[in-house]
Amino acid sequence: MIQSGFFMVNWHLSGREHDQESALLAHRNTHRRREMSMLKGFSFTAAPRAATQLTPEEARRNKLIAHLQEQRAIAQAETAGEQHVVMRRRWQLTPTGEKHRVEVEKRLKRWWTTQADGQLLLTVRWGSRVIEWERGKAAIVVGERGKLVGMLDKLISAAQAGDLDEHIAAANKARTVPKRKAA
């Protein structure tokens, strides 16, 4: 008799099925004993954490670098008079209800705006938030359009050196939602 959740189920094996089940269990136990006797010659230890695993700071830094490189590609394409398109895959339902994987364009937003006097302002985003460099100052004055790619290269170098880690941490901390208190 097996108890599963709220229900009790009667489960009886016929004599032949019971013998087959017993033989199968005996075979598994014998096989395990053989495996264990083969493993007696090994020495075991706890596996250390993989050296290739990134710290949270390094993961956030790499994420920002990837986004900065994407903005650099958009700026280069815009300078060349082209349009930068990134494709991504997603699942889409057909009218019959079947799922198919399709490629769609990823919506890309430029992180820079042009002021009325023609100067470019660059903002760096962490998710939906803009990173503040100083209190109340979230934009970098680039100047003319030709300097944009160079400015993005400098930001990428600064991120690789770890100079933007404090700003990323502050923006990441601002994104966290406080937990609700239990009633």
Protein backbone atom coordinates (compact mmCIF):
# COMPACT_ATOMS: atom_id res chain seq x y z
CA MET A 1 0.00 0.00 0.00
CA ILE A 2 1.43 3.40 -1.03
CA GLN A 3 0.39 6.69 0.52
CA SER A 4 0.54 9.57 -1.90
CA GLY A 5 -0.67 12.99 -0.78
CA PHE A 6 -4.22 12.61 0.51
CA PHE A 7 -4.95 9.32 -1.22
CA MET A 8 -4.14 5.77 -0.27
CA VAL A 9 -3.49 3.51 -3.21
CA ASN A 10 -3.53 -0.28 -3.06
CA TRP A 11 -0.76 -1.69 -5.14
CA HIS A 12 -0.40 -5.42 -5.34
CA LEU A 13 2.06 -7.25 -7.51
CA SER A 14 1.30 -10.68 -8.78
CA GLY A 15 3.78 -13.39 -7.83
CA ARG A 16 5.60 -13.21 -11.16
CA GLU A 17 5.83 -9.40 -11.13
CA HIS A 18 7.06 -9.53 -7.53
CA ASP A 19 9.84 -11.95 -8.50
CA GLN A 20 10.88 -9.72 -11.42
CA GLU A 21 10.93 -6.67 -9.14
CA SER A 22 13.03 -8.52 -6.57
CA ALA A 23 15.47 -9.70 -9.24
CA LEU A 24 15.83 -6.14 -10.56
CA LEU A 25 16.55 -4.74 -7.10
CA ALA A 26 19.10 -7.50 -6.42
CA HIS A 27 20.83 -6.71 -9.74
CA ARG A 28 20.99 -2.97 -8.89
CA ASN A 29 22.46 -3.66 -5.45
CA THR A 30 25.08 -6.02 -6.89
CA HIS A 31 25.96 -3.44 -9.54
CA ARG A 32 26.35 -0.73 -6.85
CA ARG A 33 28.63 -2.96 -4.80
CA ARG A 34 30.81 -3.53 -7.88
CA GLU A 35 30.96 0.24 -8.51
CA MET A 36 31.90 0.90 -4.91
CA SER A 37 34.66 -1.71 -5.00
CA MET A 38 36.07 -0.01 -8.12
CA LEU A 39 35.94 3.41 -6.43
CA LYS A 40 37.83 2.29 -3.32
CA GLY A 41 41.14 3.08 -5.02
CA PHE A 42 40.26 6.77 -5.43
CA SER A 43 40.71 9.55 -2.92
CA PHE A 44 37.94 12.17 -2.80
CA THR A 45 37.87 15.80 -1.71
CA ALA A 46 35.48 18.74 -1.85
CA ALA A 47 35.64 20.50 -5.21
CA PRO A 48 36.84 24.11 -4.92
CA ARG A 49 34.81 26.89 -6.50
CA ALA A 50 35.62 27.28 -10.17
CA ALA A 51 38.19 29.98 -10.87
CA THR A 52 36.29 30.98 -14.00
CA GLN A 53 33.19 31.94 -12.01
CA LEU A 54 32.82 35.71 -11.86
CA THR A 55 32.22 37.77 -8.78
CA PRO A 56 29.03 39.84 -8.80
CA GLU A 57 31.08 43.02 -9.41
CA GLU A 58 32.81 41.46 -12.42
CA ALA A 59 29.49 40.23 -13.82
CA ARG A 60 27.96 43.72 -13.50
CA ARG A 61 31.09 45.26 -15.04
CA ASN A 62 30.94 42.86 -18.00
CA LYS A 63 27.24 43.61 -18.48
CA LEU A 64 27.92 47.36 -18.60
CA ILE A 65 30.84 46.84 -21.00
CA ALA A 66 28.60 44.82 -23.34
CA HIS A 67 26.00 47.61 -23.34
CA LEU A 68 28.67 50.26 -23.93
CA GLN A 69 30.05 48.25 -26.85
CA GLU A 70 26.54 48.03 -28.27
CA GLN A 71 26.19 51.81 -28.01
CA ARG A 72 29.58 52.17 -29.69
CA ALA A 73 28.37 50.01 -32.60
CA ILE A 74 25.22 52.15 -32.89
CA ALA A 75 27.34 55.33 -32.92
CA GLN A 76 29.72 53.93 -35.55
CA ALA A 77 26.83 52.88 -37.77
CA GLU A 78 25.16 56.27 -37.38
CA THR A 79 28.42 58.02 -38.26
CA ALA A 80 28.70 55.87 -41.40
CA GLY A 81 25.10 56.67 -42.32
CA GLU A 82 23.90 53.14 -41.71
CA GLN A 83 21.44 51.61 -39.28
CA HIS A 84 22.69 49.20 -36.63
CA VAL A 85 20.34 46.23 -36.23
CA VAL A 86 20.65 43.48 -33.65
CA MET A 87 18.54 40.37 -34.08
CA ARG A 88 17.34 38.24 -31.22
CA ARG A 89 15.41 34.98 -31.11
CA ARG A 90 12.08 34.50 -29.42
CA TRP A 91 9.24 32.03 -29.38
CA GLN A 92 6.08 33.03 -31.18
CA LEU A 93 2.74 31.27 -31.41
CA THR A 94 1.27 30.57 -34.83
CA PRO A 95 -2.47 30.93 -35.45
CA THR A 96 -2.77 27.15 -34.99
CA GLY A 97 -1.23 27.41 -31.50
CA GLU A 98 2.19 25.91 -32.31
CA LYS A 99 5.38 27.53 -31.02
CA HIS A 100 8.05 28.54 -33.52
CA ARG A 101 11.35 30.26 -32.93
CA VAL A 102 11.64 33.47 -34.94
CA GLU A 103 14.22 36.21 -35.22
CA VAL A 104 13.07 39.72 -34.45
CA GLU A 105 14.89 43.03 -34.25
CA LYS A 106 16.01 44.03 -30.79
CA ARG A 107 14.80 47.49 -29.87
CA LEU A 108 17.87 49.63 -29.28
CA LYS A 109 17.81 53.04 -27.64
CA ARG A 110 20.56 55.57 -28.11
CA TRP A 111 22.05 56.82 -24.88
CA TRP A 112 22.83 60.26 -26.29
CA THR A 113 20.75 63.28 -27.19
CA THR A 114 21.49 66.43 -29.15
CA GLN A 115 20.92 69.77 -27.44
CA ALA A 116 19.52 72.82 -29.22
CA ASP A 117 23.05 74.25 -29.64
CA GLY A 118 24.23 71.04 -31.38
CA GLN A 119 26.19 69.54 -28.51
CA LEU A 120 25.75 65.88 -27.65
CA LEU A 121 24.95 64.71 -24.13
CA LEU A 122 25.70 61.09 -23.26
CA THR A 123 23.95 59.28 -20.43
CA VAL A 124 24.97 55.82 -19.28
CA ARG A 125 22.13 53.56 -18.24
CA TRP A 126 21.95 50.72 -15.78
CA GLY A 127 18.68 49.03 -16.60
CA SER A 128 16.06 51.74 -16.78
CA ARG A 129 17.99 54.10 -14.51
CA VAL A 130 20.55 56.68 -15.56
CA ILE A 131 23.87 56.53 -13.72
CA GLU A 132 24.64 59.75 -11.85
CA TRP A 133 28.30 60.79 -12.02
CA GLU A 134 27.91 63.56 -9.49
CA ARG A 135 24.89 64.53 -7.43
CA GLY A 136 22.25 65.73 -9.91
CA LYS A 137 24.58 65.33 -12.92
CA ALA A 138 23.84 62.26 -15.03
CA ALA A 139 24.98 63.42 -18.49
CA ILE A 140 28.44 63.64 -20.01
CA VAL A 141 29.00 66.54 -22.42
CA VAL A 142 30.50 64.98 -25.52
CA GLY A 143 30.51 68.06 -27.73
CA GLU A 144 30.41 67.24 -31.41
CA ARG A 145 29.23 63.99 -32.97
CA GLY A 146 32.74 62.95 -34.08
CA LYS A 147 33.89 62.61 -30.45
CA LEU A 148 31.11 60.21 -29.46
CA VAL A 149 32.89 56.97 -30.42
CA GLY A 150 36.06 58.11 -28.64
CA MET A 151 34.08 58.97 -25.51
CA LEU A 152 32.42 55.53 -25.55
CA ASP A 153 35.87 53.93 -25.95
CA LYS A 154 37.08 55.85 -22.87
CA LEU A 155 34.05 54.68 -20.89
CA ILE A 156 34.68 51.07 -21.97
CA SER A 157 38.32 51.36 -20.81
CA ALA A 158 37.21 52.88 -17.50
CA ALA A 159 34.70 50.07 -16.98
CA GLN A 160 37.33 47.43 -17.78
CA ALA A 161 39.67 49.02 -15.24
CA GLY A 162 36.92 48.92 -12.61
CA ASP A 163 36.59 52.71 -12.29
CA LEU A 164 32.80 52.58 -12.78
CA ASP A 165 32.13 49.88 -10.16
CA GLU A 166 31.02 52.38 -7.51
CA HIS A 167 28.58 54.04 -9.90
CA ILE A 168 27.19 50.67 -11.00
CA ALA A 169 26.76 49.59 -7.38
CA ALA A 170 24.95 52.85 -6.53
CA ALA A 171 22.62 52.48 -9.52
CA ASN A 172 22.05 48.82 -8.71
CA LYS A 173 21.27 49.65 -5.09
CA ALA A 174 18.79 52.31 -6.19
CA ARG A 175 17.01 49.73 -8.37
CA THR A 176 16.28 47.33 -5.54
CA VAL A 177 12.74 47.33 -4.27
CA PRO A 178 12.33 47.24 -0.49
CA LYS A 179 10.67 44.10 0.84
CA ARG A 180 7.14 44.39 2.11
CA LYS A 181 6.56 43.79 5.76
CA ALA A 182 4.42 40.79 6.65
CA ALA A 183 0.99 41.77 7.92
